[in-house]
Amino acid sequence: MSGPLIKSTCMDEEDIDRALTRIAHQILEANHGADNLALVGIVTRGDLLAKMLRERIEQIEGVRLPLGKLDISFYRDDFMTHFAPEVLGTDIPFDIDGLTVVLVDDVLYTGRTIRAALDALMDIGRPAAVQLAVLVDRGHRELPIRADFVGKNVPSSSDESVRLFLSSVDGKSAVEILDVDPGGRAGAAPLGSKEEVE
């Protein structure tokens, strides 16, 4: 059984590396350094990107930021009607109260994932501020949410899926535009055997 048709590759591994390095510099510039910062990635790809960002920030600034991952499965506004959530687990091993938390995700689309992430984060603590870093902004917002740091803007249509693949879990690193299967929904790349929806 063949998968969705790949229409184009809009970022290769070098493009992703350059974008992450640029985002790391932008985060440090916007916050005047790394003091009081923490990174929290949204599973299943945002947490991997957050780890990569932490490595770059450590190389640039010499500071190892607190790092966490956020599972938003039960905060989604569609989990009761559209899919059975796979619980992957939130792991934020530090107190977020008073910190500037940079939420990290792979592809910003409707904004609903980020709304769910904000709800989940506020149930954990009260950060001083929340900023958003995404590798790709594909447009089509349904909620008033905007990223503070964007690797690349990728215009796309609603019948396309923009997906990040990373070598650590997929065997390749790329951002690809694919056709959505008939009756399917745009979403993130499968991790293992499960399909994550946007």
N, C-alpha and C. Protein backbone atom coordinates (compact mmCIF):
# COMPACT_ATOMS: atom_id res chain seq x y z
N MET A 1 0.86 -1.20 0.00
CA MET A 1 0.00 0.00 0.00
C MET A 1 0.89 1.24 0.00
N SER A 2 0.72 2.08 -1.01
CA SER A 2 1.58 3.26 -1.13
C SER A 2 1.06 4.38 -0.25
N GLY A 3 1.98 5.24 0.18
CA GLY A 3 1.62 6.37 1.03
C GLY A 3 1.22 7.57 0.20
N PRO A 4 1.04 8.72 0.85
CA PRO A 4 0.68 9.94 0.12
C PRO A 4 1.76 10.33 -0.88
N LEU A 5 1.34 10.93 -1.98
CA LEU A 5 2.25 11.35 -3.03
C LEU A 5 3.03 12.58 -2.58
N ILE A 6 4.36 12.51 -2.67
CA ILE A 6 5.22 13.64 -2.35
C ILE A 6 5.19 14.62 -3.52
N LYS A 7 4.75 15.84 -3.26
CA LYS A 7 4.66 16.85 -4.32
C LYS A 7 5.96 17.64 -4.44
N SER A 8 6.57 17.96 -3.30
CA SER A 8 7.83 18.69 -3.33
C SER A 8 8.52 18.60 -1.98
N THR A 9 9.83 18.82 -1.99
CA THR A 9 10.61 18.93 -0.76
C THR A 9 10.99 20.38 -0.60
N CYS A 10 10.48 21.03 0.45
CA CYS A 10 10.72 22.47 0.60
C CYS A 10 11.89 22.77 1.54
N MET A 11 12.34 21.79 2.32
CA MET A 11 13.54 21.95 3.15
C MET A 11 14.26 20.61 3.19
N ASP A 12 15.58 20.65 2.95
CA ASP A 12 16.38 19.45 3.14
C ASP A 12 17.11 19.53 4.48
N GLU A 13 17.99 18.58 4.75
CA GLU A 13 18.64 18.53 6.06
C GLU A 13 19.46 19.79 6.34
N GLU A 14 20.16 20.30 5.34
CA GLU A 14 20.95 21.52 5.53
C GLU A 14 20.06 22.73 5.78
N ASP A 15 18.94 22.80 5.08
CA ASP A 15 17.99 23.90 5.30
C ASP A 15 17.46 23.87 6.73
N ILE A 16 17.12 22.68 7.22
CA ILE A 16 16.62 22.53 8.58
C ILE A 16 17.67 22.96 9.59
N ASP A 17 18.91 22.53 9.38
CA ASP A 17 20.00 22.90 10.29
C ASP A 17 20.19 24.41 10.33
N ARG A 18 20.20 25.04 9.16
CA ARG A 18 20.38 26.49 9.10
C ARG A 18 19.23 27.21 9.78
N ALA A 19 18.01 26.73 9.55
CA ALA A 19 16.83 27.37 10.16
C ALA A 19 16.88 27.27 11.68
N LEU A 20 17.28 26.11 12.20
CA LEU A 20 17.35 25.94 13.66
C LEU A 20 18.43 26.83 14.27
N THR A 21 19.55 26.96 13.58
CA THR A 21 20.60 27.84 14.07
C THR A 21 20.13 29.29 14.09
N ARG A 22 19.41 29.71 13.04
CA ARG A 22 18.87 31.07 12.98
C ARG A 22 17.85 31.30 14.09
N ILE A 23 16.96 30.33 14.31
CA ILE A 23 15.95 30.45 15.37
C ILE A 23 16.63 30.55 16.73
N ALA A 24 17.68 29.76 16.95
CA ALA A 24 18.41 29.82 18.23
C ALA A 24 18.96 31.23 18.47
N HIS A 25 19.57 31.82 17.44
CA HIS A 25 20.09 33.19 17.57
C HIS A 25 18.95 34.18 17.83
N GLN A 26 17.82 34.01 17.14
CA GLN A 26 16.69 34.92 17.32
C GLN A 26 16.11 34.83 18.73
N ILE A 27 16.03 33.62 19.26
CA ILE A 27 15.54 33.45 20.63
C ILE A 27 16.45 34.18 21.62
N LEU A 28 17.74 34.02 21.46
CA LEU A 28 18.70 34.67 22.36
C LEU A 28 18.65 36.19 22.21
N GLU A 29 18.52 36.66 20.98
CA GLU A 29 18.47 38.11 20.75
C GLU A 29 17.20 38.70 21.35
N ALA A 30 16.05 38.05 21.11
CA ALA A 30 14.78 38.58 21.59
C ALA A 30 14.71 38.60 23.12
N ASN A 31 15.42 37.67 23.76
CA ASN A 31 15.36 37.56 25.22
C ASN A 31 16.62 38.07 25.91
N HIS A 32 17.49 38.73 25.14
CA HIS A 32 18.72 39.32 25.67
C HIS A 32 19.55 38.27 26.42
N GLY A 33 19.70 37.12 25.79
CA GLY A 33 20.48 36.03 26.39
C GLY A 33 19.59 34.87 26.79
N ALA A 34 20.14 33.99 27.60
CA ALA A 34 19.45 32.74 27.94
C ALA A 34 18.92 32.72 29.37
N ASP A 35 19.06 33.82 30.10
CA ASP A 35 18.58 33.84 31.48
C ASP A 35 17.07 33.64 31.54
N ASN A 36 16.62 32.80 32.44
CA ASN A 36 15.19 32.62 32.72
C ASN A 36 14.42 31.98 31.57
N LEU A 37 15.14 31.33 30.65
CA LEU A 37 14.50 30.68 29.50
C LEU A 37 14.38 29.18 29.72
N ALA A 38 13.35 28.59 29.13
CA ALA A 38 13.20 27.14 29.08
C ALA A 38 12.57 26.78 27.74
N LEU A 39 12.89 25.59 27.25
CA LEU A 39 12.33 25.10 26.00
C LEU A 39 11.39 23.94 26.30
N VAL A 40 10.20 23.98 25.70
CA VAL A 40 9.23 22.88 25.84
C VAL A 40 8.74 22.52 24.45
N GLY A 41 9.04 21.30 24.02
CA GLY A 41 8.63 20.83 22.71
C GLY A 41 7.34 20.05 22.76
N ILE A 42 6.51 20.24 21.74
CA ILE A 42 5.24 19.53 21.63
C ILE A 42 5.50 18.21 20.92
N VAL A 43 5.16 17.09 21.58
CA VAL A 43 5.36 15.79 20.93
C VAL A 43 4.36 15.67 19.77
N THR A 44 4.79 15.09 18.60
CA THR A 44 5.88 14.13 18.49
C THR A 44 7.12 14.63 17.74
N ARG A 45 7.08 15.77 17.12
CA ARG A 45 8.28 16.27 16.46
C ARG A 45 8.83 17.52 17.15
N GLY A 46 7.97 18.30 17.76
CA GLY A 46 8.42 19.53 18.43
C GLY A 46 9.42 19.26 19.54
N ASP A 47 9.25 18.14 20.25
CA ASP A 47 10.18 17.82 21.33
C ASP A 47 11.57 17.50 20.78
N LEU A 48 11.62 16.89 19.59
CA LEU A 48 12.92 16.59 18.97
C LEU A 48 13.59 17.89 18.50
N LEU A 49 12.79 18.80 17.95
CA LEU A 49 13.33 20.10 17.53
C LEU A 49 13.81 20.91 18.74
N ALA A 50 13.08 20.84 19.86
CA ALA A 50 13.48 21.57 21.06
C ALA A 50 14.84 21.09 21.56
N LYS A 51 15.05 19.79 21.50
CA LYS A 51 16.35 19.23 21.90
C LYS A 51 17.47 19.75 20.99
N MET A 52 17.20 19.82 19.69
CA MET A 52 18.19 20.33 18.74
C MET A 52 18.45 21.82 18.99
N LEU A 53 17.40 22.58 19.31
CA LEU A 53 17.57 24.00 19.62
C LEU A 53 18.40 24.19 20.89
N ARG A 54 18.16 23.35 21.89
CA ARG A 54 18.94 23.47 23.12
C ARG A 54 20.43 23.27 22.84
N GLU A 55 20.75 22.31 21.99
CA GLU A 55 22.16 22.06 21.65
C GLU A 55 22.77 23.28 20.97
N ARG A 56 22.03 23.91 20.08
CA ARG A 56 22.56 25.09 19.38
C ARG A 56 22.72 26.27 20.34
N ILE A 57 21.74 26.47 21.21
CA ILE A 57 21.84 27.57 22.17
C ILE A 57 23.01 27.36 23.12
N GLU A 58 23.24 26.11 23.49
CA GLU A 58 24.39 25.82 24.35
C GLU A 58 25.71 26.11 23.64
N GLN A 59 25.77 25.80 22.34
CA GLN A 59 26.97 26.10 21.56
C GLN A 59 27.20 27.61 21.45
N ILE A 60 26.13 28.36 21.28
CA ILE A 60 26.23 29.81 21.09
C ILE A 60 26.50 30.53 22.41
N GLU A 61 25.73 30.18 23.43
CA GLU A 61 25.71 30.96 24.67
C GLU A 61 26.44 30.29 25.83
N GLY A 62 26.73 28.99 25.68
CA GLY A 62 27.39 28.27 26.77
C GLY A 62 26.47 27.96 27.93
N VAL A 63 25.15 28.02 27.69
CA VAL A 63 24.15 27.77 28.73
C VAL A 63 23.27 26.60 28.29
N ARG A 64 23.04 25.65 29.20
CA ARG A 64 22.18 24.51 28.91
C ARG A 64 20.79 24.78 29.48
N LEU A 65 19.85 25.07 28.61
CA LEU A 65 18.51 25.45 29.04
C LEU A 65 17.72 24.25 29.56
N PRO A 66 16.80 24.49 30.52
CA PRO A 66 15.86 23.45 30.92
C PRO A 66 15.06 23.02 29.69
N LEU A 67 14.81 21.72 29.59
CA LEU A 67 14.14 21.16 28.41
C LEU A 67 13.02 20.23 28.85
N GLY A 68 11.84 20.42 28.27
CA GLY A 68 10.71 19.55 28.57
C GLY A 68 9.95 19.19 27.32
N LYS A 69 9.05 18.21 27.47
CA LYS A 69 8.18 17.85 26.35
C LYS A 69 6.74 17.82 26.83
N LEU A 70 5.83 18.19 25.93
CA LEU A 70 4.44 18.38 26.27
C LEU A 70 3.56 17.52 25.37
N ASP A 71 2.77 16.65 25.99
CA ASP A 71 1.81 15.84 25.25
C ASP A 71 0.44 16.51 25.38
N ILE A 72 -0.14 16.90 24.25
CA ILE A 72 -1.40 17.66 24.28
C ILE A 72 -2.61 16.79 23.92
N SER A 73 -2.44 15.48 23.88
CA SER A 73 -3.47 14.58 23.37
C SER A 73 -4.86 14.89 23.92
N PHE A 74 -4.98 15.03 25.24
CA PHE A 74 -6.29 15.20 25.84
C PHE A 74 -6.73 16.66 25.94
N TYR A 75 -5.92 17.57 25.39
CA TYR A 75 -6.29 18.98 25.36
C TYR A 75 -6.80 19.40 23.98
N ARG A 76 -6.70 18.50 23.03
CA ARG A 76 -7.15 18.81 21.67
C ARG A 76 -8.66 18.97 21.63
N ASP A 77 -9.15 19.85 20.74
CA ASP A 77 -10.60 20.05 20.66
C ASP A 77 -11.28 19.00 19.80
N ASP A 78 -10.49 18.05 19.24
CA ASP A 78 -11.10 17.02 18.38
C ASP A 78 -10.85 15.60 18.88
N PHE A 79 -10.26 15.44 20.05
CA PHE A 79 -9.85 14.08 20.42
C PHE A 79 -11.03 13.16 20.69
N MET A 80 -12.18 13.71 21.07
CA MET A 80 -13.34 12.87 21.34
C MET A 80 -14.01 12.39 20.05
N THR A 81 -13.83 13.15 18.97
CA THR A 81 -14.60 12.84 17.76
C THR A 81 -13.76 12.34 16.59
N HIS A 82 -12.47 12.66 16.57
CA HIS A 82 -11.71 12.37 15.35
C HIS A 82 -10.62 11.31 15.49
N PHE A 83 -10.13 11.06 16.67
CA PHE A 83 -9.09 10.05 16.77
C PHE A 83 -8.93 9.58 18.20
N ALA A 84 -8.34 8.42 18.34
CA ALA A 84 -8.04 7.89 19.67
C ALA A 84 -6.63 8.34 20.03
N PRO A 85 -6.48 9.21 21.02
CA PRO A 85 -5.16 9.75 21.31
C PRO A 85 -4.21 8.68 21.82
N GLU A 86 -2.98 8.75 21.31
CA GLU A 86 -1.92 7.91 21.83
C GLU A 86 -1.20 8.74 22.89
N VAL A 87 -1.27 8.31 24.13
CA VAL A 87 -0.69 9.09 25.22
C VAL A 87 0.81 8.86 25.22
N LEU A 88 1.57 9.91 24.95
CA LEU A 88 3.02 9.81 24.83
C LEU A 88 3.73 10.35 26.06
N GLY A 89 3.02 11.11 26.87
CA GLY A 89 3.59 11.54 28.14
C GLY A 89 4.23 12.91 28.13
N THR A 90 3.78 13.75 29.06
CA THR A 90 4.42 15.03 29.30
C THR A 90 5.56 14.83 30.28
N ASP A 91 6.67 15.47 30.00
CA ASP A 91 7.83 15.39 30.91
C ASP A 91 8.47 16.77 30.99
N ILE A 92 8.10 17.53 32.02
CA ILE A 92 8.69 18.85 32.25
C ILE A 92 9.29 18.81 33.66
N PRO A 93 10.56 18.42 33.75
CA PRO A 93 11.18 18.17 35.06
C PRO A 93 11.72 19.42 35.75
N PHE A 94 10.98 20.52 35.64
CA PHE A 94 11.39 21.76 36.29
C PHE A 94 10.15 22.61 36.50
N ASP A 95 10.25 23.58 37.39
CA ASP A 95 9.14 24.48 37.70
C ASP A 95 9.09 25.58 36.64
N ILE A 96 7.98 25.69 35.92
CA ILE A 96 7.90 26.71 34.86
C ILE A 96 7.45 28.06 35.39
N ASP A 97 7.05 28.14 36.65
CA ASP A 97 6.58 29.41 37.21
C ASP A 97 7.66 30.49 37.07
N GLY A 98 7.29 31.62 36.48
CA GLY A 98 8.20 32.74 36.37
C GLY A 98 9.20 32.66 35.24
N LEU A 99 9.21 31.55 34.50
CA LEU A 99 10.14 31.41 33.37
C LEU A 99 9.52 31.92 32.08
N THR A 100 10.36 32.29 31.12
CA THR A 100 9.91 32.50 29.76
C THR A 100 10.03 31.15 29.05
N VAL A 101 8.90 30.57 28.71
CA VAL A 101 8.87 29.26 28.07
C VAL A 101 8.74 29.43 26.57
N VAL A 102 9.68 28.85 25.84
CA VAL A 102 9.59 28.83 24.38
C VAL A 102 8.98 27.50 23.98
N LEU A 103 7.74 27.54 23.52
CA LEU A 103 7.08 26.34 22.98
C LEU A 103 7.65 26.07 21.59
N VAL A 104 7.95 24.82 21.31
CA VAL A 104 8.55 24.47 20.02
C VAL A 104 7.67 23.43 19.33
N ASP A 105 7.34 23.71 18.06
CA ASP A 105 6.57 22.74 17.27
C ASP A 105 7.14 22.69 15.86
N ASP A 106 6.74 21.66 15.13
CA ASP A 106 7.30 21.49 13.79
C ASP A 106 6.59 22.35 12.75
N VAL A 107 5.26 22.15 12.60
CA VAL A 107 4.51 22.86 11.57
C VAL A 107 3.34 23.59 12.22
N LEU A 108 3.26 24.90 11.99
CA LEU A 108 2.13 25.70 12.46
C LEU A 108 1.11 25.77 11.33
N TYR A 109 -0.11 25.34 11.65
CA TYR A 109 -1.16 25.25 10.63
C TYR A 109 -2.39 26.02 11.12
N THR A 110 -3.38 25.36 11.65
CA THR A 110 -4.62 26.03 12.05
C THR A 110 -4.45 26.83 13.34
N GLY A 111 -3.49 26.45 14.17
CA GLY A 111 -3.30 27.08 15.47
C GLY A 111 -3.94 26.29 16.60
N ARG A 112 -4.70 25.27 16.26
CA ARG A 112 -5.40 24.49 17.30
C ARG A 112 -4.44 23.68 18.17
N THR A 113 -3.37 23.18 17.59
CA THR A 113 -2.37 22.46 18.38
C THR A 113 -1.76 23.38 19.42
N ILE A 114 -1.47 24.61 19.03
CA ILE A 114 -0.84 25.56 19.96
C ILE A 114 -1.83 25.98 21.04
N ARG A 115 -3.10 26.16 20.68
CA ARG A 115 -4.09 26.48 21.70
C ARG A 115 -4.15 25.38 22.74
N ALA A 116 -4.14 24.13 22.29
CA ALA A 116 -4.16 22.99 23.21
C ALA A 116 -2.89 22.98 24.07
N ALA A 117 -1.76 23.30 23.46
CA ALA A 117 -0.50 23.32 24.20
C ALA A 117 -0.50 24.40 25.28
N LEU A 118 -1.07 25.55 24.97
CA LEU A 118 -1.15 26.62 25.97
C LEU A 118 -2.02 26.20 27.14
N ASP A 119 -3.15 25.54 26.85
CA ASP A 119 -4.01 25.03 27.92
C ASP A 119 -3.26 24.04 28.80
N ALA A 120 -2.55 23.11 28.15
CA ALA A 120 -1.80 22.09 28.89
C ALA A 120 -0.71 22.73 29.74
N LEU A 121 -0.03 23.73 29.19
CA LEU A 121 1.05 24.40 29.90
C LEU A 121 0.52 25.14 31.13
N MET A 122 -0.61 25.81 30.98
CA MET A 122 -1.16 26.58 32.09
C MET A 122 -1.68 25.69 33.22
N ASP A 123 -1.99 24.44 32.88
CA ASP A 123 -2.37 23.49 33.93
C ASP A 123 -1.16 23.04 34.75
N ILE A 124 0.03 23.25 34.20
CA ILE A 124 1.26 22.83 34.89
C ILE A 124 1.82 23.95 35.76
N GLY A 125 1.70 25.19 35.32
CA GLY A 125 2.26 26.30 36.08
C GLY A 125 1.93 27.63 35.45
N ARG A 126 2.60 28.67 35.95
CA ARG A 126 2.34 30.03 35.48
C ARG A 126 3.65 30.66 35.00
N PRO A 127 3.98 30.46 33.71
CA PRO A 127 5.20 31.07 33.19
C PRO A 127 5.07 32.59 33.11
N ALA A 128 6.20 33.27 33.15
CA ALA A 128 6.19 34.74 33.01
C ALA A 128 5.74 35.13 31.60
N ALA A 129 6.12 34.33 30.62
CA ALA A 129 5.75 34.57 29.23
C ALA A 129 5.88 33.27 28.46
N VAL A 130 5.13 33.16 27.38
CA VAL A 130 5.24 32.02 26.48
C VAL A 130 5.50 32.55 25.08
N GLN A 131 6.55 32.03 24.46
CA GLN A 131 6.86 32.37 23.07
C GLN A 131 6.73 31.11 22.24
N LEU A 132 6.58 31.28 20.93
CA LEU A 132 6.37 30.14 20.04
C LEU A 132 7.42 30.12 18.95
N ALA A 133 8.11 28.98 18.83
CA ALA A 133 9.08 28.76 17.75
C ALA A 133 8.61 27.58 16.91
N VAL A 134 8.50 27.78 15.60
CA VAL A 134 8.11 26.70 14.71
C VAL A 134 9.10 26.62 13.55
N LEU A 135 9.31 25.41 13.07
CA LEU A 135 10.19 25.25 11.91
C LEU A 135 9.50 25.76 10.65
N VAL A 136 8.21 25.44 10.52
CA VAL A 136 7.47 25.81 9.31
C VAL A 136 6.13 26.44 9.69
N ASP A 137 5.82 27.56 9.04
CA ASP A 137 4.48 28.16 9.13
C ASP A 137 3.84 27.99 7.76
N ARG A 138 2.77 27.20 7.70
CA ARG A 138 2.14 26.92 6.41
C ARG A 138 0.86 27.73 6.18
N GLY A 139 0.51 28.60 7.13
CA GLY A 139 -0.68 29.42 6.94
C GLY A 139 -1.95 28.67 7.34
N HIS A 140 -3.10 29.17 6.85
CA HIS A 140 -4.42 28.58 7.10
C HIS A 140 -4.84 28.65 8.57
N ARG A 141 -4.52 29.74 9.23
CA ARG A 141 -4.86 29.86 10.65
C ARG A 141 -6.37 29.92 10.87
N GLU A 142 -6.83 29.22 11.88
CA GLU A 142 -8.24 29.27 12.30
C GLU A 142 -8.39 29.96 13.64
N LEU A 143 -7.28 30.20 14.33
CA LEU A 143 -7.28 30.88 15.62
C LEU A 143 -6.25 32.00 15.57
N PRO A 144 -6.40 33.05 16.41
CA PRO A 144 -5.47 34.18 16.37
C PRO A 144 -4.15 33.86 17.06
N ILE A 145 -3.36 33.00 16.42
CA ILE A 145 -2.07 32.55 16.98
C ILE A 145 -0.98 32.83 15.96
N ARG A 146 0.12 33.39 16.43
CA ARG A 146 1.24 33.74 15.56
C ARG A 146 2.54 33.28 16.21
N ALA A 147 3.44 32.77 15.39
CA ALA A 147 4.74 32.33 15.91
C ALA A 147 5.67 33.52 16.08
N ASP A 148 6.49 33.48 17.15
CA ASP A 148 7.51 34.51 17.37
C ASP A 148 8.76 34.23 16.54
N PHE A 149 9.04 32.95 16.31
CA PHE A 149 10.24 32.54 15.59
C PHE A 149 9.85 31.49 14.56
N VAL A 150 10.16 31.75 13.28
CA VAL A 150 9.76 30.86 12.19
C VAL A 150 10.97 30.52 11.34
N GLY A 151 11.16 29.22 11.10
CA GLY A 151 12.25 28.79 10.23
C GLY A 151 11.97 29.12 8.78
N LYS A 152 10.75 28.79 8.32
CA LYS A 152 10.40 29.05 6.92
C LYS A 152 8.89 29.13 6.78
N ASN A 153 8.43 30.10 6.00
CA ASN A 153 7.02 30.17 5.62
C ASN A 153 6.83 29.35 4.35
N VAL A 154 5.89 28.41 4.39
CA VAL A 154 5.66 27.51 3.27
C VAL A 154 4.19 27.62 2.84
N PRO A 155 3.92 28.39 1.79
CA PRO A 155 2.53 28.47 1.31
C PRO A 155 2.05 27.09 0.89
N SER A 156 0.82 26.76 1.26
CA SER A 156 0.28 25.45 0.93
C SER A 156 -1.22 25.56 0.80
N SER A 157 -1.83 24.56 0.18
CA SER A 157 -3.29 24.53 0.07
C SER A 157 -3.83 23.59 1.15
N SER A 158 -5.12 23.71 1.40
CA SER A 158 -5.72 22.92 2.47
C SER A 158 -5.82 21.44 2.12
N ASP A 159 -5.62 21.08 0.84
CA ASP A 159 -5.63 19.66 0.49
C ASP A 159 -4.22 19.08 0.41
N GLU A 160 -3.26 19.80 1.00
CA GLU A 160 -1.89 19.32 1.10
C GLU A 160 -1.50 19.15 2.56
N SER A 161 -0.54 18.29 2.79
CA SER A 161 0.01 18.10 4.13
C SER A 161 1.48 18.50 4.08
N VAL A 162 1.91 19.30 5.06
CA VAL A 162 3.32 19.71 5.14
C VAL A 162 3.92 18.96 6.33
N ARG A 163 4.90 18.11 6.07
CA ARG A 163 5.40 17.20 7.10
C ARG A 163 6.90 17.31 7.29
N LEU A 164 7.29 17.26 8.55
CA LEU A 164 8.71 17.22 8.91
C LEU A 164 9.11 15.78 9.18
N PHE A 165 10.21 15.38 8.58
CA PHE A 165 10.82 14.09 8.86
C PHE A 165 12.20 14.36 9.45
N LEU A 166 12.58 13.62 10.49
CA LEU A 166 13.88 13.78 11.12
C LEU A 166 14.62 12.45 11.12
N SER A 167 15.92 12.52 10.83
CA SER A 167 16.71 11.30 10.67
C SER A 167 16.69 10.42 11.92
N SER A 168 16.57 11.03 13.10
CA SER A 168 16.60 10.25 14.34
C SER A 168 15.41 9.29 14.47
N VAL A 169 14.30 9.61 13.81
CA VAL A 169 13.11 8.75 13.90
C VAL A 169 12.61 8.28 12.54
N ASP A 170 13.04 8.95 11.47
CA ASP A 170 12.51 8.63 10.14
C ASP A 170 13.57 8.13 9.15
N GLY A 171 14.84 8.25 9.51
CA GLY A 171 15.90 7.84 8.59
C GLY A 171 16.27 8.90 7.57
N LYS A 172 15.56 10.04 7.59
CA LYS A 172 15.89 11.17 6.71
C LYS A 172 15.42 12.44 7.39
N SER A 173 16.02 13.57 7.01
CA SER A 173 15.58 14.87 7.51
C SER A 173 15.14 15.72 6.33
N ALA A 174 13.87 16.12 6.34
CA ALA A 174 13.32 16.92 5.25
C ALA A 174 11.95 17.45 5.66
N VAL A 175 11.53 18.53 5.01
CA VAL A 175 10.15 18.98 5.09
C VAL A 175 9.56 18.79 3.71
N GLU A 176 8.49 17.99 3.65
CA GLU A 176 7.89 17.64 2.37
C GLU A 176 6.43 18.10 2.32
N ILE A 177 6.00 18.45 1.11
CA ILE A 177 4.59 18.73 0.86
C ILE A 177 4.00 17.51 0.16
N LEU A 178 2.94 16.98 0.74
CA LEU A 178 2.31 15.77 0.21
C LEU A 178 0.83 16.02 -0.03
N ASP A 179 0.26 15.23 -0.95
CA ASP A 179 -1.19 15.25 -1.12
C ASP A 179 -1.83 14.54 0.07
N VAL A 180 -2.95 15.08 0.54
CA VAL A 180 -3.72 14.41 1.57
C VAL A 180 -4.54 13.31 0.91
N ASP A 181 -4.51 12.10 1.48
CA ASP A 181 -5.32 11.01 0.94
C ASP A 181 -6.80 11.38 0.96
N PRO A 182 -7.57 10.91 -0.03
CA PRO A 182 -9.02 11.19 -0.02
C PRO A 182 -9.65 10.75 1.30
N GLY A 183 -10.38 11.66 1.91
CA GLY A 183 -11.00 11.37 3.20
C GLY A 183 -10.06 11.53 4.38
N GLY A 184 -8.80 11.84 4.10
CA GLY A 184 -7.81 11.99 5.16
C GLY A 184 -7.75 13.43 5.64
N ARG A 185 -6.83 13.66 6.59
CA ARG A 185 -6.65 15.00 7.15
C ARG A 185 -5.18 15.36 7.10
N ALA A 186 -4.92 16.65 6.93
CA ALA A 186 -3.54 17.13 6.96
C ALA A 186 -2.98 16.89 8.34
N GLY A 187 -1.71 16.50 8.44
CA GLY A 187 -1.15 16.25 9.76
C GLY A 187 0.32 15.98 9.72
N ALA A 188 0.86 15.69 10.91
CA ALA A 188 2.28 15.43 11.06
C ALA A 188 2.62 14.04 10.56
N ALA A 189 3.90 13.83 10.32
CA ALA A 189 4.36 12.52 9.86
C ALA A 189 4.11 11.47 10.92
N PRO A 190 3.76 10.26 10.50
CA PRO A 190 3.56 9.18 11.47
C PRO A 190 4.84 8.92 12.26
N LEU A 191 4.68 8.61 13.51
CA LEU A 191 5.82 8.22 14.35
C LEU A 191 5.55 6.79 14.77
N GLY A 192 6.36 5.86 14.29
CA GLY A 192 6.06 4.46 14.51
C GLY A 192 4.90 4.07 13.63
N SER A 193 3.86 3.48 14.22
CA SER A 193 2.74 3.03 13.41
C SER A 193 1.52 3.93 13.56
N LYS A 194 1.62 4.96 14.38
CA LYS A 194 0.46 5.82 14.62
C LYS A 194 0.52 7.05 13.73
N GLU A 195 -0.64 7.56 13.39
CA GLU A 195 -0.75 8.77 12.58
C GLU A 195 -1.17 9.92 13.48
N GLU A 196 -0.37 10.96 13.52
CA GLU A 196 -0.73 12.15 14.28
C GLU A 196 -1.48 13.10 13.38
N VAL A 197 -2.57 13.67 13.87
CA VAL A 197 -3.30 14.66 13.07
C VAL A 197 -2.98 16.06 13.55
N GLU A 198 -3.11 17.01 12.61
CA GLU A 198 -2.77 18.41 12.89
C GLU A 198 -3.78 19.01 13.84
